[in-house]
Amino acid sequence: MNSNTFRTPVRRTAAAATVAALAVGPVLLAAPAAQAAGDEGRATAVVLRTSLDVDLLGKTVQVPVRATLNEVKAPESESETALSVKVKGAEGGEPIDILTADVATSTATVDEKKAEGYVNLAKARLHVPGLPALAVIEVEKVTAKAVCEAGRKPVAESNVLGYVRALGQKVTLTAGGRSRVEVPAVGTVTLDLSRTTTTDRTAAATALELDVEVDPLKLGVAKVKGTVTLAEATCETPKGPAPTEKPTEKPTEKPTERPTEQPTGKPAEQPSPQATEPEDDGGLTTDNGGSTPTQNLAETGGSSATPYLAGGALVLLLAGGGAVALTRSRARARG
């Protein structure tokens, strides 16, 4: 099983320091995402983050428990899948499992167009020092997702699925609401379920945020107080180019308002594969196999009186021939 181990430092108790530590935790958790440097987007994801202060019995010392599980950040893509996290020094010096789970995955990815953070946590149990047998919170499955894409509105989603138990008590889930569980002689747990926030360029999603205050009075622990976050994802939109819109599948039926300057003529339906043979109309045959028309010969120099002139010439020719023949026959008779 993959796990992370943290050593908890010990410091002197001071009222001002304790108040400051408790105030800083919620402020850090509420930040949607770190500001991007330049045009790159940002994405973060974390399965668990604790900001707890542990008071030990009979001592004037306070042990801060600051632990994270599978915390990733991008612009470069990252992914973590450790299933447990241990801390040392808060329970008689012995290491304890703060969180164990069957599935604990966090991913953060960024490219020029999109930034995305995602967390998936299943079958998880959260413990605090002084309560080894009783889980502060048990969940069946929680997820958080934040997506920031150039040209689109950021999206934040968080889900709490299945059962949730706090200090052994079943919790009635109210999406986006708050529930409080109190167990006498043990303590109280306040749960904020499925919180999401978005702005023009950022998104943040948190599946569960717990305010914990327990007095176990066991294993040398007098009091545990602070906040715990389960499944948090954030993102900030890169200043890259917006995605192109999907083209329309069908052309618009409405014609363009401005007509073309010179309308094109209707094209021939289908050109003939070869030239057709000219019809024989009795005209003169040309050298290239074609023919010239037999009408309108005036175009070559004739006129409509040409037939009459030809007829007159023929009559004169015949009359002249007859006269010549008569003269010759008389001359023979005389001789």
Protein backbone atom coordinates (compact mmCIF):
# COMPACT_ATOMS: atom_id res chain seq x y z
CA MET A 1 0.00 0.00 0.00
CA ASN A 2 1.32 3.44 -0.91
CA SER A 3 1.50 5.89 1.98
CA ASN A 4 2.94 9.22 3.04
CA THR A 5 4.45 9.85 6.47
CA PHE A 6 4.77 13.25 8.16
CA ARG A 7 6.56 14.20 11.36
CA THR A 8 4.64 16.76 13.39
CA PRO A 9 6.67 19.51 15.08
CA VAL A 10 6.03 20.42 18.72
CA ARG A 11 5.74 24.02 19.83
CA ARG A 12 4.82 25.98 22.92
CA THR A 13 1.16 26.88 23.32
CA ALA A 14 0.37 30.51 22.75
CA ALA A 15 -3.16 31.85 22.38
CA ALA A 16 -2.28 34.24 19.57
CA ALA A 17 -0.41 31.53 17.62
CA THR A 18 -3.30 29.08 17.97
CA VAL A 19 -5.87 31.61 16.71
CA ALA A 20 -3.63 32.54 13.80
CA ALA A 21 -3.12 28.90 12.80
CA LEU A 22 -6.85 28.18 12.84
CA ALA A 23 -7.61 31.32 10.87
CA VAL A 24 -5.08 30.61 8.15
CA GLY A 25 -6.42 27.13 7.33
CA PRO A 26 -9.88 28.10 6.01
CA VAL A 27 -8.48 31.07 4.10
CA LEU A 28 -6.04 28.85 2.19
CA LEU A 29 -8.75 26.32 1.43
CA ALA A 30 -11.11 28.96 0.10
CA ALA A 31 -8.66 30.22 -2.53
CA PRO A 32 -9.87 28.89 -5.90
CA ALA A 33 -6.43 28.72 -7.48
CA ALA A 34 -3.02 30.29 -7.37
CA GLN A 35 -2.57 33.25 -9.69
CA ALA A 36 -0.99 32.26 -12.96
CA ALA A 37 2.31 33.72 -14.02
CA GLY A 38 2.11 34.80 -17.64
CA ASP A 39 -0.42 33.15 -19.91
CA GLU A 40 -0.29 29.64 -18.44
CA GLY A 41 -3.28 28.14 -16.73
CA ARG A 42 -3.19 26.54 -13.30
CA ALA A 43 -4.76 23.40 -11.82
CA THR A 44 -4.51 21.75 -8.41
CA ALA A 45 -5.97 18.64 -6.82
CA VAL A 46 -5.67 17.13 -3.35
CA VAL A 47 -7.30 14.13 -1.70
CA LEU A 48 -6.72 15.26 1.92
CA ARG A 49 -5.54 18.40 3.66
CA THR A 50 -5.52 18.79 7.44
CA SER A 51 -5.01 21.84 9.60
CA LEU A 52 -5.37 20.43 13.12
CA ASP A 53 -3.95 21.44 16.49
CA VAL A 54 -3.52 18.75 19.14
CA ASP A 55 -3.26 19.59 22.85
CA LEU A 56 -1.47 16.94 24.91
CA LEU A 57 -2.51 15.99 28.46
CA GLY A 58 -0.43 17.37 31.32
CA LYS A 59 1.83 19.36 28.98
CA THR A 60 1.93 22.92 27.82
CA VAL A 61 2.77 21.96 24.29
CA GLN A 62 0.67 21.86 21.16
CA VAL A 63 1.26 19.56 18.22
CA PRO A 64 0.19 20.94 14.82
CA VAL A 65 -0.95 18.28 12.39
CA ARG A 66 -0.48 19.57 8.84
CA ALA A 67 -0.79 16.69 6.41
CA THR A 68 -1.72 16.30 2.76
CA LEU A 69 -2.38 13.25 0.61
CA ASN A 70 -1.87 13.19 -3.16
CA GLU A 71 -1.54 16.93 -3.58
CA VAL A 72 -0.66 17.81 -7.19
CA LYS A 73 -0.24 21.04 -9.10
CA ALA A 74 0.18 21.88 -12.76
CA PRO A 75 0.95 23.58 -15.44
CA GLU A 76 2.72 20.29 -15.98
CA SER A 77 0.43 17.29 -15.75
CA GLU A 78 0.65 15.33 -12.52
CA SER A 79 -1.09 12.38 -10.90
CA GLU A 80 -0.85 10.71 -7.46
CA THR A 81 -2.50 7.54 -6.12
CA ALA A 82 -1.19 6.96 -2.55
CA LEU A 83 -3.82 5.28 -0.33
CA SER A 84 -2.83 6.41 3.18
CA VAL A 85 -1.04 9.12 5.11
CA LYS A 86 0.69 8.76 8.50
CA VAL A 87 1.76 11.35 11.10
CA LYS A 88 4.16 10.95 14.01
CA GLY A 89 4.49 12.73 17.34
CA ALA A 90 0.86 13.48 18.14
CA GLU A 91 -0.06 10.26 19.92
CA GLY A 92 2.68 9.29 22.36
CA GLY A 93 5.26 9.47 19.62
CA GLU A 94 3.66 6.59 17.70
CA PRO A 95 2.76 6.95 14.03
CA ILE A 96 -0.95 6.96 13.23
CA ASP A 97 -2.90 6.69 10.00
CA ILE A 98 -4.75 9.93 9.49
CA LEU A 99 -6.47 8.64 6.34
CA THR A 100 -6.83 5.26 4.67
CA ALA A 101 -8.76 4.54 1.46
CA ASP A 102 -9.38 1.91 -1.18
CA VAL A 103 -9.10 4.49 -3.97
CA ALA A 104 -7.42 7.89 -3.70
CA THR A 105 -6.55 9.53 -7.02
CA SER A 106 -5.77 13.14 -7.86
CA THR A 107 -4.77 14.58 -11.24
CA ALA A 108 -3.96 18.07 -12.49
CA THR A 109 -3.45 18.82 -16.19
CA VAL A 110 -2.84 22.02 -18.13
CA ASP A 111 -2.32 22.76 -21.81
CA GLU A 112 -2.60 25.91 -23.90
CA LYS A 113 -6.40 25.72 -24.02
CA LYS A 114 -7.57 23.99 -20.83
CA ALA A 115 -6.72 23.48 -17.15
CA GLU A 116 -8.37 20.69 -15.14
CA GLY A 117 -8.15 19.29 -11.63
CA TYR A 118 -9.84 16.04 -10.57
CA VAL A 119 -10.06 13.96 -7.36
CA ASN A 120 -11.65 10.55 -6.76
CA LEU A 121 -11.79 9.09 -3.23
CA ALA A 122 -13.55 5.85 -2.25
CA LYS A 123 -14.01 3.84 0.96
CA ALA A 124 -12.09 6.34 3.07
CA ARG A 125 -11.70 6.62 6.89
CA LEU A 126 -10.30 9.67 8.66
CA HIS A 127 -8.81 9.46 12.18
CA VAL A 128 -7.42 12.07 14.56
CA PRO A 129 -4.98 11.57 17.44
CA GLY A 130 -6.61 10.20 20.59
CA LEU A 131 -9.40 8.35 18.74
CA PRO A 132 -7.74 5.24 17.28
CA ALA A 133 -10.89 3.13 17.04
CA LEU A 134 -13.48 5.77 16.12
CA ALA A 135 -13.33 7.43 12.72
CA VAL A 136 -14.02 11.14 12.62
CA ILE A 137 -15.46 10.67 9.12
CA GLU A 138 -16.20 7.71 6.84
CA VAL A 139 -17.26 8.12 3.22
CA GLU A 140 -18.19 5.67 0.48
CA LYS A 141 -17.24 7.85 -2.47
CA VAL A 142 -16.54 11.54 -3.09
CA THR A 143 -15.34 13.34 -6.22
CA ALA A 144 -14.33 16.89 -7.11
CA LYS A 145 -13.70 18.34 -10.55
CA ALA A 146 -12.78 21.82 -11.83
CA VAL A 147 -12.43 22.60 -15.55
CA CYS A 148 -11.28 25.95 -16.98
CA GLU A 149 -11.24 26.13 -20.78
CA ALA A 150 -10.32 29.15 -22.89
CA GLY A 151 -13.40 30.78 -24.38
CA ARG A 152 -15.79 28.96 -22.04
CA LYS A 153 -17.20 29.53 -18.58
CA PRO A 154 -15.31 27.62 -15.83
CA VAL A 155 -17.13 24.59 -14.39
CA ALA A 156 -16.89 23.18 -10.85
CA GLU A 157 -18.51 19.90 -9.76
CA SER A 158 -18.40 17.98 -6.47
CA ASN A 159 -20.30 14.88 -5.43
CA VAL A 160 -20.77 12.93 -2.21
CA LEU A 161 -22.09 9.48 -3.11
CA GLY A 162 -23.23 6.69 -0.82
CA TYR A 163 -23.00 6.73 2.95
CA VAL A 164 -21.31 9.29 5.20
CA ARG A 165 -20.69 8.73 8.93
CA ALA A 166 -19.24 11.20 11.40
CA LEU A 167 -18.07 9.95 14.84
CA GLY A 168 -19.94 6.72 14.10
CA GLN A 169 -23.24 8.54 13.37
CA LYS A 170 -24.96 8.43 9.98
CA VAL A 171 -25.14 11.85 8.37
CA THR A 172 -28.16 13.00 6.37
CA LEU A 173 -26.79 14.51 3.18
CA THR A 174 -27.96 17.87 1.89
CA ALA A 175 -26.31 19.03 -1.32
CA GLY A 176 -24.53 22.31 -0.75
CA GLY A 177 -25.68 22.35 2.87
CA ARG A 178 -24.17 21.93 6.33
CA SER A 179 -24.63 19.11 8.81
CA ARG A 180 -23.54 18.91 12.46
CA VAL A 181 -22.89 15.76 14.48
CA GLU A 182 -22.34 15.88 18.23
CA VAL A 183 -21.40 12.90 20.39
CA PRO A 184 -21.37 13.43 24.19
CA ALA A 185 -17.95 12.99 25.84
CA VAL A 186 -16.33 12.79 22.42
CA GLY A 187 -16.89 16.01 20.48
CA THR A 188 -18.53 17.59 17.45
CA VAL A 189 -17.98 17.53 13.73
CA THR A 190 -19.53 20.05 11.32
CA LEU A 191 -19.66 19.06 7.65
CA ASP A 192 -19.93 21.33 4.61
CA LEU A 193 -21.04 19.20 1.67
CA SER A 194 -20.34 19.72 -2.02
CA ARG A 195 -19.07 23.28 -2.15
CA THR A 196 -18.37 24.89 -5.53
CA THR A 197 -17.32 28.39 -6.59
CA THR A 198 -16.63 29.90 -10.02
CA THR A 199 -15.49 33.26 -11.40
CA ASP A 200 -14.79 34.46 -14.93
CA ARG A 201 -11.48 32.56 -15.05
CA THR A 202 -11.37 30.24 -12.00
CA ALA A 203 -13.26 27.33 -10.50
CA ALA A 204 -13.01 25.39 -7.23
CA ALA A 205 -14.81 22.30 -5.99
CA THR A 206 -14.65 20.69 -2.54
CA ALA A 207 -16.52 17.48 -1.74
CA LEU A 208 -16.27 17.70 2.07
CA GLU A 209 -14.88 20.21 4.50
CA LEU A 210 -14.96 19.38 8.21
CA ASP A 211 -14.70 21.54 11.31
CA VAL A 212 -13.49 19.16 14.03
CA GLU A 213 -13.45 19.66 17.79
CA VAL A 214 -13.05 16.54 19.91
CA ASP A 215 -11.94 15.86 23.50
CA PRO A 216 -10.87 12.21 23.55
CA LEU A 217 -8.94 12.34 26.86
CA LYS A 218 -7.17 9.18 25.72
CA LEU A 219 -3.63 8.29 24.73
CA GLY A 220 -2.35 11.51 26.25
CA VAL A 221 -4.49 13.68 23.98
CA ALA A 222 -6.60 16.36 25.62
CA LYS A 223 -8.10 18.14 22.63
CA VAL A 224 -8.08 18.16 18.82
CA LYS A 225 -9.39 21.15 16.92
CA GLY A 226 -9.16 22.38 13.33
CA THR A 227 -10.27 21.76 9.75
CA VAL A 228 -10.04 18.85 7.34
CA THR A 229 -10.66 18.95 3.58
CA LEU A 230 -11.53 15.87 1.54
CA ALA A 231 -11.35 15.98 -2.28
CA GLU A 232 -10.58 19.47 -3.52
CA ALA A 233 -9.90 20.57 -7.12
CA THR A 234 -9.19 24.03 -8.54
CA CYS A 235 -8.28 25.56 -11.89
CA GLU A 236 -7.49 28.83 -13.63
CA THR A 237 -8.15 29.41 -17.33
CA PRO A 238 -5.11 29.72 -19.62
CA LYS A 239 -5.02 32.76 -21.86
CA GLY A 240 -4.76 30.60 -24.93
CA PRO A 241 -6.83 30.72 -28.12
CA ALA A 242 -10.50 29.90 -27.78
CA PRO A 243 -11.64 26.64 -29.43
CA THR A 244 -13.15 26.95 -32.89
CA GLU A 245 -16.85 26.45 -33.15
CA LYS A 246 -18.17 23.33 -34.89
CA PRO A 247 -19.16 24.17 -38.50
CA THR A 248 -22.76 23.80 -39.50
CA GLU A 249 -23.54 20.47 -41.09
CA LYS A 250 -26.01 21.96 -43.60
CA PRO A 251 -25.63 25.22 -45.56
CA THR A 252 -28.03 27.98 -44.70
CA GLU A 253 -31.14 28.13 -46.88
CA LYS A 254 -31.31 31.92 -46.90
CA PRO A 255 -29.47 33.35 -49.95
CA THR A 256 -26.92 36.12 -49.61
CA GLU A 257 -28.43 39.59 -49.61
CA ARG A 258 -25.99 41.03 -52.18
CA PRO A 259 -26.29 39.41 -55.64
CA THR A 260 -23.29 38.77 -57.83
CA GLU A 261 -22.33 41.64 -60.13
CA GLN A 262 -22.54 39.52 -63.33
CA PRO A 263 -24.91 36.58 -63.18
CA THR A 264 -23.55 33.49 -64.79
CA GLY A 265 -25.43 31.91 -67.66
CA LYS A 266 -27.00 28.55 -67.35
CA PRO A 267 -24.40 25.96 -68.26
CA ALA A 268 -25.12 23.25 -70.77
CA GLU A 269 -26.52 20.16 -69.18
CA GLN A 270 -23.97 17.89 -70.85
CA PRO A 271 -21.66 18.65 -73.77
CA SER A 272 -21.86 16.30 -76.73
CA PRO A 273 -18.92 13.93 -76.92
CA GLN A 274 -18.23 14.68 -80.62
CA ALA A 275 -19.38 17.11 -83.28
CA THR A 276 -22.52 16.12 -85.18
CA GLU A 277 -22.41 15.68 -88.96
CA PRO A 278 -23.98 18.60 -90.89
CA GLU A 279 -27.13 17.82 -92.80
CA ASP A 280 -26.92 17.72 -96.59
CA ASP A 281 -29.10 20.58 -97.87
CA GLY A 282 -27.96 20.51 -101.49
CA GLY A 283 -25.51 23.35 -101.14
CA LEU A 284 -21.93 23.55 -102.36
CA THR A 285 -19.50 21.23 -100.63
CA THR A 286 -16.52 22.97 -99.07
CA ASP A 287 -12.99 21.61 -98.80
CA ASN A 288 -13.43 20.74 -95.17
CA GLY A 289 -16.51 18.63 -95.79
CA GLY A 290 -19.01 21.30 -94.87
CA SER A 291 -21.56 22.99 -97.15
CA THR A 292 -22.53 26.47 -98.07
CA PRO A 293 -26.13 27.53 -98.14
CA THR A 294 -27.99 27.66 -101.49
CA GLN A 295 -30.05 30.72 -100.65
CA ASN A 296 -29.21 34.41 -100.55
CA LEU A 297 -26.60 34.20 -103.29
CA ALA A 298 -26.84 37.98 -103.56
CA GLU A 299 -24.33 38.03 -100.79
CA THR A 300 -21.69 36.94 -103.38
CA GLY A 301 -22.56 39.74 -105.92
CA GLY A 302 -25.86 38.60 -107.69
CA SER A 303 -29.32 40.19 -107.51
CA SER A 304 -32.97 39.20 -107.84
CA ALA A 305 -33.08 40.36 -111.61
CA THR A 306 -30.40 37.96 -112.65
CA PRO A 307 -32.84 35.26 -114.00
CA TYR A 308 -34.62 37.79 -116.26
CA LEU A 309 -31.41 39.11 -117.72
CA ALA A 310 -30.28 35.58 -118.47
CA GLY A 311 -33.60 34.79 -120.25
CA GLY A 312 -33.41 37.93 -122.43
CA ALA A 313 -29.85 37.11 -123.40
CA LEU A 314 -30.90 33.62 -124.42
CA VAL A 315 -33.75 34.98 -126.70
CA LEU A 316 -31.37 37.37 -128.41
CA LEU A 317 -28.86 34.60 -128.86
CA LEU A 318 -31.44 32.35 -130.51
CA ALA A 319 -32.74 35.17 -132.75
CA GLY A 320 -29.22 36.00 -133.91
CA GLY A 321 -28.52 32.35 -134.67
CA GLY A 322 -31.73 32.07 -136.74
CA ALA A 323 -30.88 35.18 -138.77
CA VAL A 324 -27.41 33.87 -139.60
CA ALA A 325 -28.84 30.53 -140.73
CA LEU A 326 -31.47 32.25 -143.02
CA THR A 327 -28.83 34.42 -144.65
CA ARG A 328 -26.61 31.47 -145.49
CA SER A 329 -29.50 29.47 -146.99
CA ARG A 330 -30.41 32.39 -149.40
CA ALA A 331 -26.84 32.71 -150.47
CA ARG A 332 -26.67 29.03 -151.48
CA ALA A 333 -29.94 29.37 -153.48
CA ARG A 334 -28.59 32.23 -155.59
CA GLY A 335 -25.39 30.52 -156.40
